[in-house]
Amino acid sequence: MSVNREKIKQLIDLIPDQDAAEVLDFIEYINWKREREKPDPLNADFLSKDENLIEQINLSQLDRQAGRVYEKEEGLDYLRKKVKDFERGQNL
């Protein structure tokens, strides 16, 4: 739906001061309602429908079952080794 914002601004300018407060309240209500209706990113129902998230969880479970999970220090050591290997390959 195309809205002519200039026409809305012109109509607002024509509103008597005593009615302007009601118009402002209505606009603020619409904005508040829109914010309330936004999906909560931590909402379990919303997350359960995110196919990418579900796929990542499934892959993570497979990694754990196959022992492809590192503790913090092991992971950092692995990454350091990979960076060194890369740098050697790049002759840095």
N, C-alpha and C. Protein backbone atom coordinates (compact mmCIF):
# COMPACT_ATOMS: atom_id res chain seq x y z
N MET A 1 0.85 -1.17 0.00
CA MET A 1 0.00 0.00 0.00
C MET A 1 0.90 1.24 0.00
N SER A 2 0.68 2.08 -0.97
CA SER A 2 1.47 3.31 -1.09
C SER A 2 0.82 4.42 -0.26
N VAL A 3 1.64 5.09 0.50
CA VAL A 3 1.14 6.15 1.38
C VAL A 3 1.80 7.46 0.98
N ASN A 4 0.99 8.49 0.84
CA ASN A 4 1.50 9.81 0.52
C ASN A 4 1.82 10.52 1.83
N ARG A 5 3.07 10.44 2.24
CA ARG A 5 3.48 11.01 3.53
C ARG A 5 3.33 12.54 3.55
N GLU A 6 3.53 13.16 2.42
CA GLU A 6 3.38 14.63 2.36
C GLU A 6 1.94 15.03 2.67
N LYS A 7 0.99 14.26 2.14
CA LYS A 7 -0.42 14.55 2.40
C LYS A 7 -0.71 14.37 3.89
N ILE A 8 -0.14 13.33 4.49
CA ILE A 8 -0.34 13.11 5.93
C ILE A 8 0.21 14.30 6.71
N LYS A 9 1.40 14.78 6.34
CA LYS A 9 2.00 15.93 7.03
C LYS A 9 1.13 17.17 6.87
N GLN A 10 0.58 17.37 5.67
CA GLN A 10 -0.29 18.53 5.44
C GLN A 10 -1.54 18.43 6.31
N LEU A 11 -2.13 17.24 6.39
CA LEU A 11 -3.33 17.06 7.22
C LEU A 11 -3.03 17.29 8.69
N ILE A 12 -1.86 16.84 9.14
CA ILE A 12 -1.47 17.06 10.53
C ILE A 12 -1.35 18.55 10.82
N ASP A 13 -0.80 19.30 9.85
CA ASP A 13 -0.67 20.74 10.04
C ASP A 13 -2.03 21.43 10.16
N LEU A 14 -3.09 20.83 9.61
CA LEU A 14 -4.42 21.42 9.67
C LEU A 14 -5.18 21.07 10.95
N ILE A 15 -4.68 20.12 11.71
CA ILE A 15 -5.37 19.68 12.92
C ILE A 15 -5.28 20.76 14.00
N PRO A 16 -6.40 21.07 14.63
CA PRO A 16 -6.37 22.06 15.72
C PRO A 16 -5.50 21.55 16.87
N ASP A 17 -4.90 22.48 17.60
CA ASP A 17 -3.99 22.11 18.70
C ASP A 17 -4.64 21.17 19.71
N GLN A 18 -5.91 21.38 20.00
CA GLN A 18 -6.56 20.53 21.00
C GLN A 18 -6.68 19.08 20.53
N ASP A 19 -6.65 18.83 19.22
CA ASP A 19 -6.73 17.47 18.69
C ASP A 19 -5.34 16.86 18.44
N ALA A 20 -4.32 17.69 18.40
CA ALA A 20 -2.97 17.22 18.09
C ALA A 20 -2.48 16.20 19.12
N ALA A 21 -2.84 16.38 20.38
CA ALA A 21 -2.42 15.44 21.42
C ALA A 21 -2.99 14.05 21.17
N GLU A 22 -4.24 13.99 20.70
CA GLU A 22 -4.86 12.70 20.39
C GLU A 22 -4.17 12.02 19.21
N VAL A 23 -3.83 12.83 18.21
CA VAL A 23 -3.12 12.28 17.04
C VAL A 23 -1.76 11.72 17.47
N LEU A 24 -1.06 12.47 18.31
CA LEU A 24 0.23 12.00 18.81
C LEU A 24 0.06 10.70 19.61
N ASP A 25 -0.95 10.66 20.47
CA ASP A 25 -1.21 9.43 21.24
C ASP A 25 -1.46 8.25 20.31
N PHE A 26 -2.22 8.46 19.25
CA PHE A 26 -2.55 7.39 18.32
C PHE A 26 -1.29 6.90 17.60
N ILE A 27 -0.46 7.82 17.14
CA ILE A 27 0.78 7.44 16.45
C ILE A 27 1.70 6.67 17.41
N GLU A 28 1.81 7.13 18.65
CA GLU A 28 2.63 6.42 19.63
C GLU A 28 2.05 5.04 19.92
N TYR A 29 0.72 4.91 19.95
CA TYR A 29 0.09 3.61 20.17
C TYR A 29 0.42 2.66 19.02
N ILE A 30 0.34 3.14 17.80
CA ILE A 30 0.66 2.29 16.64
C ILE A 30 2.10 1.80 16.72
N ASN A 31 3.02 2.70 17.05
CA ASN A 31 4.43 2.31 17.17
C ASN A 31 4.63 1.31 18.31
N TRP A 32 3.98 1.52 19.44
CA TRP A 32 4.07 0.61 20.58
C TRP A 32 3.55 -0.77 20.20
N LYS A 33 2.40 -0.80 19.50
CA LYS A 33 1.79 -2.07 19.09
C LYS A 33 2.72 -2.82 18.13
N ARG A 34 3.33 -2.12 17.21
CA ARG A 34 4.24 -2.74 16.24
C ARG A 34 5.44 -3.35 16.98
N GLU A 35 5.99 -2.64 17.97
CA GLU A 35 7.12 -3.15 18.74
C GLU A 35 6.73 -4.41 19.52
N ARG A 36 5.55 -4.41 20.07
CA ARG A 36 5.06 -5.56 20.84
C ARG A 36 4.89 -6.79 19.97
N GLU A 37 4.54 -6.59 18.70
CA GLU A 37 4.26 -7.71 17.80
C GLU A 37 5.51 -8.28 17.15
N LYS A 38 6.67 -7.61 17.34
CA LYS A 38 7.91 -8.15 16.79
C LYS A 38 8.22 -9.48 17.46
N PRO A 39 8.69 -10.45 16.68
CA PRO A 39 9.02 -11.74 17.31
C PRO A 39 10.19 -11.61 18.26
N ASP A 40 10.07 -12.27 19.39
CA ASP A 40 11.14 -12.29 20.38
C ASP A 40 12.19 -13.29 19.91
N PRO A 41 13.43 -12.84 19.65
CA PRO A 41 14.44 -13.76 19.12
C PRO A 41 14.78 -14.90 20.07
N LEU A 42 14.42 -14.78 21.36
CA LEU A 42 14.67 -15.86 22.30
C LEU A 42 13.43 -16.69 22.58
N ASN A 43 12.37 -16.43 21.84
CA ASN A 43 11.13 -17.16 21.99
C ASN A 43 11.31 -18.58 21.44
N ALA A 44 11.07 -19.59 22.26
CA ALA A 44 11.29 -20.99 21.87
C ALA A 44 10.46 -21.37 20.65
N ASP A 45 9.24 -20.91 20.58
CA ASP A 45 8.38 -21.24 19.43
C ASP A 45 8.96 -20.66 18.15
N PHE A 46 9.42 -19.42 18.23
CA PHE A 46 10.05 -18.75 17.07
C PHE A 46 11.31 -19.50 16.66
N LEU A 47 12.15 -19.85 17.65
CA LEU A 47 13.42 -20.53 17.36
C LEU A 47 13.19 -21.93 16.80
N SER A 48 12.13 -22.59 17.23
CA SER A 48 11.87 -23.96 16.77
C SER A 48 11.50 -24.00 15.28
N LYS A 49 11.17 -22.86 14.71
CA LYS A 49 10.82 -22.80 13.28
C LYS A 49 11.97 -22.31 12.42
N ASP A 50 13.10 -21.99 13.04
CA ASP A 50 14.27 -21.50 12.31
C ASP A 50 15.06 -22.69 11.78
N GLU A 51 14.92 -22.98 10.48
CA GLU A 51 15.53 -24.17 9.89
C GLU A 51 17.05 -24.13 9.96
N ASN A 52 17.65 -22.96 9.80
CA ASN A 52 19.11 -22.86 9.88
C ASN A 52 19.61 -23.19 11.28
N LEU A 53 18.91 -22.71 12.29
CA LEU A 53 19.30 -22.99 13.67
C LEU A 53 19.17 -24.48 13.96
N ILE A 54 18.09 -25.07 13.51
CA ILE A 54 17.87 -26.51 13.74
C ILE A 54 18.98 -27.32 13.07
N GLU A 55 19.36 -26.95 11.86
CA GLU A 55 20.44 -27.64 11.15
C GLU A 55 21.76 -27.50 11.91
N GLN A 56 22.06 -26.31 12.42
CA GLN A 56 23.29 -26.10 13.19
C GLN A 56 23.29 -26.94 14.47
N ILE A 57 22.16 -27.05 15.12
CA ILE A 57 22.06 -27.86 16.33
C ILE A 57 22.30 -29.33 15.98
N ASN A 58 21.68 -29.80 14.89
CA ASN A 58 21.88 -31.18 14.47
C ASN A 58 23.34 -31.46 14.14
N LEU A 59 24.00 -30.55 13.44
CA LEU A 59 25.42 -30.73 13.12
C LEU A 59 26.27 -30.73 14.39
N SER A 60 25.92 -29.86 15.32
CA SER A 60 26.65 -29.80 16.59
C SER A 60 26.52 -31.12 17.35
N GLN A 61 25.34 -31.69 17.35
CA GLN A 61 25.14 -32.98 18.03
C GLN A 61 25.97 -34.07 17.37
N LEU A 62 26.03 -34.07 16.04
CA LEU A 62 26.85 -35.06 15.33
C LEU A 62 28.33 -34.87 15.66
N ASP A 63 28.79 -33.62 15.73
CA ASP A 63 30.18 -33.34 16.09
C ASP A 63 30.49 -33.87 17.49
N ARG A 64 29.58 -33.66 18.42
CA ARG A 64 29.81 -34.15 19.79
C ARG A 64 29.88 -35.67 19.81
N GLN A 65 28.97 -36.31 19.10
CA GLN A 65 28.95 -37.77 19.07
C GLN A 65 30.23 -38.34 18.44
N ALA A 66 30.79 -37.63 17.47
CA ALA A 66 32.00 -38.10 16.78
C ALA A 66 33.27 -37.63 17.47
N GLY A 67 33.14 -36.92 18.59
CA GLY A 67 34.32 -36.46 19.32
C GLY A 67 35.01 -35.28 18.67
N ARG A 68 34.31 -34.53 17.85
CA ARG A 68 34.91 -33.38 17.18
C ARG A 68 34.62 -32.09 17.95
N VAL A 69 34.72 -32.17 19.27
CA VAL A 69 34.47 -31.01 20.12
C VAL A 69 35.71 -30.78 20.96
N TYR A 70 36.16 -29.55 21.03
CA TYR A 70 37.37 -29.20 21.76
C TYR A 70 37.04 -28.44 23.03
N GLU A 71 37.86 -28.65 24.06
CA GLU A 71 37.81 -27.79 25.24
C GLU A 71 38.44 -26.46 24.83
N LYS A 72 38.28 -25.45 25.67
CA LYS A 72 38.73 -24.10 25.33
C LYS A 72 40.20 -24.07 24.89
N GLU A 73 41.10 -24.59 25.72
CA GLU A 73 42.54 -24.53 25.39
C GLU A 73 42.86 -25.38 24.16
N GLU A 74 42.22 -26.54 24.05
CA GLU A 74 42.44 -27.39 22.87
C GLU A 74 42.02 -26.65 21.60
N GLY A 75 40.89 -25.98 21.68
CA GLY A 75 40.41 -25.23 20.52
C GLY A 75 41.34 -24.10 20.14
N LEU A 76 41.83 -23.38 21.14
CA LEU A 76 42.77 -22.28 20.88
C LEU A 76 44.07 -22.81 20.29
N ASP A 77 44.58 -23.94 20.82
CA ASP A 77 45.80 -24.54 20.27
C ASP A 77 45.59 -24.95 18.81
N TYR A 78 44.43 -25.54 18.54
CA TYR A 78 44.11 -25.95 17.18
C TYR A 78 44.10 -24.74 16.24
N LEU A 79 43.47 -23.66 16.66
CA LEU A 79 43.40 -22.46 15.82
C LEU A 79 44.78 -21.83 15.63
N ARG A 80 45.58 -21.81 16.70
CA ARG A 80 46.94 -21.27 16.57
C ARG A 80 47.75 -22.06 15.54
N LYS A 81 47.62 -23.38 15.60
CA LYS A 81 48.34 -24.24 14.65
C LYS A 81 47.86 -23.95 13.22
N LYS A 82 46.57 -23.82 13.04
CA LYS A 82 46.03 -23.54 11.70
C LYS A 82 46.52 -22.19 11.18
N VAL A 83 46.59 -21.18 12.06
CA VAL A 83 47.08 -19.86 11.65
C VAL A 83 48.54 -19.96 11.23
N LYS A 84 49.35 -20.68 12.02
CA LYS A 84 50.77 -20.85 11.67
C LYS A 84 50.92 -21.58 10.34
N ASP A 85 50.13 -22.64 10.15
CA ASP A 85 50.17 -23.37 8.88
C ASP A 85 49.82 -22.45 7.71
N PHE A 86 48.82 -21.64 7.92
CA PHE A 86 48.38 -20.72 6.87
C PHE A 86 49.48 -19.70 6.57
N GLU A 87 50.05 -19.13 7.63
CA GLU A 87 51.10 -18.12 7.45
C GLU A 87 52.31 -18.72 6.73
N ARG A 88 52.68 -19.98 7.07
CA ARG A 88 53.80 -20.63 6.39
C ARG A 88 53.48 -20.82 4.92
N GLY A 89 52.25 -21.19 4.62
CA GLY A 89 51.83 -21.38 3.23
C GLY A 89 51.81 -20.10 2.44
N GLN A 90 51.63 -18.98 3.15
CA GLN A 90 51.60 -17.67 2.50
C GLN A 90 52.97 -17.01 2.51
N ASN A 91 53.95 -17.66 3.12
CA ASN A 91 55.30 -17.10 3.26
C ASN A 91 55.28 -15.73 3.92
N LEU A 92 54.52 -15.61 5.00
CA LEU A 92 54.42 -14.33 5.72
C LEU A 92 55.53 -14.17 6.71
